[in-house]
Amino acid sequence: MVVLNKIYTRTGDKGDTALGNGDRVAKHSARVSAYGTSDELNAFVGVARLAADGEMDAALSRIQNDLFDLGADLCRPNMAQDAEAEYPPLRMAVSQVERLESEIDEMNKDLGALRSFILPGGSALAAHLHVCRTVARRAERLSTELATMEEVNPAAIKYLNRLSDWFFVAARMANDGGTTDVLWVPGANR
C-alpha cells in the first residue's frame, strides 16, 4: 500500500532520486529516463481518455494501470535480488502483453488493409492516440537502450512494443474504423 502524506521531500534537490530498491541515481540516468517516459505516456493516455468513451475508455484505463506497473518494474533494478526484497517487486507479466495482442487482433479484424502510410490525425481521439503511439515508441527506445547497460525485464520491453502497435490500431478504430484515416500522399506538395 502506498501512503503519501507529504509530496515534497527535498531529497532530490541535488539532482538524484531513489529507485524502487532504495539506490540513489542521477535523475537523468537511463533508468529514470525510461520509467519517466512511461509516466509521461500515462499522462498522454489520460488526455486521450477525454475523447474516449465506452470500451475504448475502459481499455485506456487498463493501459494506464499497466503503465504504473511498468514504472514500478523499470524503477527497480537487479531482478536477481527480487527474492530477497522485503515486498515482492511488481514486474510486468507476459499475460499483459498477450492481452494487448488479443485486443489488437479484435480491433484489427474489421479494419481494411492499409495501402498508404497514415498521417497522425483524423478525429481528436485518433490524434491523441497517435501522440501516445510515438511516446510509447520513445519509452521503448529508452528501455532497450537501458537494457544494453543494465538488466531489464524482457516482458516490459515487449509490452511497450505491443502498446505502440495497440495505439496505432486504436487510432484507426477512432477514425471510423479506418475509413477517415488521413493518408500520406508522397510528394503531394512538391
Protein backbone atom coordinates (compact mmCIF):
# COMPACT_ATOMS: atom_id res chain seq x y z
CA MET A 1 0.00 0.00 0.00
CA VAL A 2 1.29 3.42 -0.95
CA VAL A 3 0.84 6.22 1.57
CA LEU A 4 1.83 9.73 0.54
CA ASN A 5 1.43 12.20 3.38
CA LYS A 6 3.99 14.67 2.14
CA ILE A 7 4.54 15.39 -1.52
CA TYR A 8 7.88 17.15 -1.40
CA THR A 9 10.83 15.58 0.41
CA ARG A 10 13.76 17.75 -0.69
CA THR A 11 15.81 14.55 -1.16
CA GLY A 12 16.16 15.18 -4.90
CA ASP A 13 17.22 18.79 -4.71
CA LYS A 14 20.75 17.95 -5.83
CA GLY A 15 19.67 16.05 -8.94
CA ASP A 16 19.37 12.49 -7.72
CA THR A 17 16.41 10.26 -6.91
CA ALA A 18 15.69 6.94 -5.23
CA LEU A 19 14.94 3.83 -7.26
CA GLY A 20 12.47 1.20 -6.10
CA ASN A 21 15.20 -0.70 -4.27
CA GLY A 22 16.41 2.42 -2.43
CA ASP A 23 19.52 3.03 -4.56
CA ARG A 24 20.06 6.68 -5.45
CA VAL A 25 20.85 7.62 -9.04
CA ALA A 26 21.00 10.78 -11.13
CA LYS A 27 17.61 12.00 -12.29
CA HIS A 28 18.95 11.92 -15.85
CA SER A 29 20.06 8.27 -15.64
CA ALA A 30 18.92 5.85 -18.34
CA ARG A 31 16.64 4.02 -15.89
CA VAL A 32 14.91 7.19 -14.70
CA SER A 33 14.53 8.35 -18.31
CA ALA A 34 12.86 5.04 -19.21
CA TYR A 35 10.33 4.98 -16.38
CA GLY A 36 9.86 8.74 -16.54
CA THR A 37 8.83 8.42 -20.17
CA SER A 38 6.35 5.68 -19.28
CA ASP A 39 4.89 8.15 -16.76
CA GLU A 40 4.73 10.83 -19.47
CA LEU A 41 2.94 8.32 -21.70
CA ASN A 42 0.45 7.64 -18.92
CA ALA A 43 -0.36 11.36 -18.79
CA PHE A 44 -0.96 11.43 -22.55
CA VAL A 45 -3.24 8.41 -22.22
CA GLY A 46 -5.19 10.40 -19.63
CA VAL A 47 -5.60 13.19 -22.18
CA ALA A 48 -6.74 10.69 -24.83
CA ARG A 49 -9.37 9.39 -22.42
CA LEU A 50 -11.03 12.81 -22.52
CA ALA A 51 -12.11 11.99 -26.08
CA ALA A 52 -12.86 8.29 -25.48
CA ASP A 53 -15.94 6.51 -24.24
CA GLY A 54 -17.26 3.01 -23.73
CA GLU A 55 -14.88 0.13 -24.37
CA MET A 56 -12.12 2.43 -25.69
CA ASP A 57 -12.13 4.35 -22.40
CA ALA A 58 -12.12 1.08 -20.44
CA ALA A 59 -9.19 -0.22 -22.50
CA LEU A 60 -7.26 3.02 -21.97
CA SER A 61 -7.97 2.76 -18.24
CA ARG A 62 -6.42 -0.74 -18.21
CA ILE A 63 -3.41 0.61 -20.08
CA GLN A 64 -2.96 3.42 -17.55
CA ASN A 65 -2.87 0.87 -14.76
CA ASP A 66 -0.40 -1.26 -16.74
CA LEU A 67 1.81 1.80 -17.22
CA PHE A 68 2.04 2.22 -13.45
CA ASP A 69 3.01 -1.46 -13.26
CA LEU A 70 5.63 -0.76 -15.94
CA GLY A 71 7.01 2.19 -13.99
CA ALA A 72 7.22 0.04 -10.86
CA ASP A 73 9.08 -2.61 -12.83
CA LEU A 74 11.51 -0.23 -14.52
CA CYS A 75 12.31 1.68 -11.32
CA ARG A 76 13.56 -1.47 -9.62
CA PRO A 77 16.90 -2.74 -10.96
CA ASN A 78 18.52 -6.10 -10.40
CA MET A 79 15.81 -8.70 -10.87
CA ALA A 80 18.17 -11.29 -9.34
CA GLN A 81 17.56 -9.68 -5.96
CA ASP A 82 13.74 -9.84 -6.22
CA ALA A 83 13.54 -12.88 -3.92
CA GLU A 84 15.45 -11.01 -1.21
CA ALA A 85 13.19 -7.94 -1.27
CA GLU A 86 11.02 -7.14 1.73
CA TYR A 87 8.00 -6.99 -0.59
CA PRO A 88 7.80 -8.89 -3.89
CA PRO A 89 8.64 -6.36 -6.63
CA LEU A 90 5.96 -5.76 -9.23
CA ARG A 91 7.11 -6.97 -12.64
CA MET A 92 5.37 -6.83 -15.99
CA ALA A 93 3.93 -10.19 -16.98
CA VAL A 94 3.66 -11.88 -20.36
CA SER A 95 -0.11 -12.04 -19.78
CA GLN A 96 -0.23 -8.24 -20.08
CA VAL A 97 1.50 -8.46 -23.47
CA GLU A 98 -0.88 -11.22 -24.55
CA ARG A 99 -3.90 -9.12 -23.55
CA LEU A 100 -2.68 -6.30 -25.79
CA GLU A 101 -2.18 -8.75 -28.66
CA SER A 102 -5.70 -10.08 -28.21
CA GLU A 103 -7.14 -6.56 -28.17
CA ILE A 104 -5.12 -5.61 -31.27
CA ASP A 105 -6.41 -8.67 -33.11
CA GLU A 106 -10.00 -7.89 -32.11
CA MET A 107 -9.76 -4.25 -33.22
CA ASN A 108 -7.87 -5.07 -36.40
CA LYS A 109 -10.21 -7.79 -37.70
CA ASP A 110 -12.69 -5.30 -39.17
CA LEU A 111 -10.17 -2.74 -40.45
CA GLY A 112 -9.39 -2.55 -44.13
CA ALA A 113 -5.90 -3.24 -45.39
CA LEU A 114 -3.56 -0.27 -45.50
CA ARG A 115 -2.43 0.89 -48.92
CA SER A 116 -0.62 4.00 -47.64
CA PHE A 117 1.06 5.28 -44.51
CA ILE A 118 -1.26 7.15 -42.17
CA LEU A 119 -0.65 10.70 -41.02
CA PRO A 120 -1.35 11.34 -37.33
CA GLY A 121 -4.78 12.91 -37.19
CA GLY A 122 -8.38 12.47 -38.14
CA SER A 123 -10.60 12.55 -35.10
CA ALA A 124 -9.49 14.16 -31.84
CA LEU A 125 -9.22 10.73 -30.23
CA ALA A 126 -7.15 9.36 -33.11
CA ALA A 127 -4.78 12.33 -32.92
CA HIS A 128 -4.30 11.79 -29.18
CA LEU A 129 -3.73 8.07 -29.72
CA HIS A 130 -1.05 8.81 -32.31
CA VAL A 131 0.73 11.01 -29.75
CA CYS A 132 0.52 8.08 -27.32
CA ARG A 133 1.95 5.80 -30.03
CA THR A 134 5.00 7.98 -30.55
CA VAL A 135 5.66 8.43 -26.83
CA ALA A 136 5.34 4.65 -26.38
CA ARG A 137 7.97 4.19 -29.09
CA ARG A 138 10.27 6.62 -27.28
CA ALA A 139 9.74 4.76 -23.99
CA GLU A 140 10.58 1.55 -25.83
CA ARG A 141 13.77 3.05 -27.31
CA LEU A 142 14.86 4.27 -23.88
CA SER A 143 14.09 0.90 -22.31
CA THR A 144 16.01 -1.03 -24.95
CA GLU A 145 18.92 1.39 -24.52
CA LEU A 146 18.77 0.77 -20.75
CA ALA A 147 18.80 -2.98 -21.44
CA THR A 148 22.20 -2.62 -23.13
CA MET A 149 23.60 -1.30 -19.84
CA GLU A 150 21.53 -2.94 -17.10
CA GLU A 151 19.07 -5.76 -16.63
CA VAL A 152 15.51 -5.01 -17.79
CA ASN A 153 12.54 -7.35 -17.61
CA PRO A 154 12.01 -8.61 -21.20
CA ALA A 155 8.22 -8.51 -20.68
CA ALA A 156 8.47 -4.75 -20.06
CA ILE A 157 10.10 -4.18 -23.43
CA LYS A 158 7.64 -6.49 -25.20
CA TYR A 159 4.76 -4.63 -23.56
CA LEU A 160 5.98 -1.28 -24.87
CA ASN A 161 6.47 -2.72 -28.34
CA ARG A 162 2.92 -4.10 -28.46
CA LEU A 163 1.50 -0.97 -26.84
CA SER A 164 2.64 1.29 -29.65
CA ASP A 165 1.01 -1.13 -32.11
CA TRP A 166 -2.14 -1.07 -29.96
CA PHE A 167 -2.27 2.74 -30.16
CA PHE A 168 -1.85 2.63 -33.94
CA VAL A 169 -4.74 0.21 -34.42
CA ALA A 170 -6.87 2.03 -31.84
CA ALA A 171 -6.28 5.31 -33.71
CA ARG A 172 -7.60 3.67 -36.87
CA MET A 173 -10.64 2.48 -34.94
CA ALA A 174 -11.14 6.05 -33.69
CA ASN A 175 -11.16 7.20 -37.32
CA ASP A 176 -14.43 5.42 -38.08
CA GLY A 177 -12.79 2.04 -38.41
CA GLY A 178 -10.05 3.44 -40.61
CA THR A 179 -12.41 4.99 -43.18
CA THR A 180 -11.43 8.53 -42.20
CA ASP A 181 -7.71 7.90 -41.70
CA VAL A 182 -5.57 10.72 -43.06
CA LEU A 183 -3.40 9.12 -45.72
CA TRP A 184 0.09 10.18 -46.71
CA VAL A 185 0.37 11.28 -50.35
CA PRO A 186 4.06 11.03 -51.26
CA GLY A 187 5.39 14.22 -52.84
CA ALA A 188 1.98 15.90 -52.81
CA ASN A 189 3.40 19.35 -52.08
CA ARG A 190 6.42 19.45 -54.34
